Amino acid sequence: MYAKGKIILLAVCLLSISVAVGATDYKSWLPLIPDTLGGLARSGEPDGINMEMGGQSWSSLHQEYSSKSKKRISLTIVSGIVAPQAQAFQSMSHMQMETQDQVVKTVNVSGYKSLFQLSKADKNGSLMISVNQQTLVVIEAEPITSEKELLPLADEVPLKKIATQAK
């Protein structure tokens, strides 16, 4: 039933799509998605959405990468200040925290303010890179155990081109 509800919601969203000022059309990012990331090949086709609701708009493009060894990386590009990822970044962008189970800290990635998160217990992490005021590039990976495993993945993503596309 959950899947059916998700399909219906997606259908409604697709029927009412209009790209408003403030969010980049996700289709403009399609040529910028790498064929491989961290040595992993794309797993399926990219999944994108342009959304407008209540005069606010956002867009997102998501690509999965995986291997037979169960290593998984996902790349998401998000534009629009009302996007859930943008709101999460804003609320956590000044946070520094380390516990026995988790690390959250601000880092610099190619000159862009970024937020690194690591769940030590679950062996997964994410890197949220703010390429401009309204666009984020999010890289998630598992299994990982350190910042050194996740940060180099950003070098494989054309961050400057994404930032330019999103203006």
Foldseek 3Di string as FASTA:
>chain_A
DVVVVVVVVVVVQVVPADADPFEFAVVVCQVQDDQDFPNFGWDDHKDKGWGDDPNFIKIKIKTWTADPVGKIKMKMKMFTCPDPVNVVCVVCLCDADDDPFKTWDWDAAPNFIKIKIAGQVQQKIKIWTDLDDTMIMMMIIPNHHDPVSPRVRVVVGPSPVSSVSGD
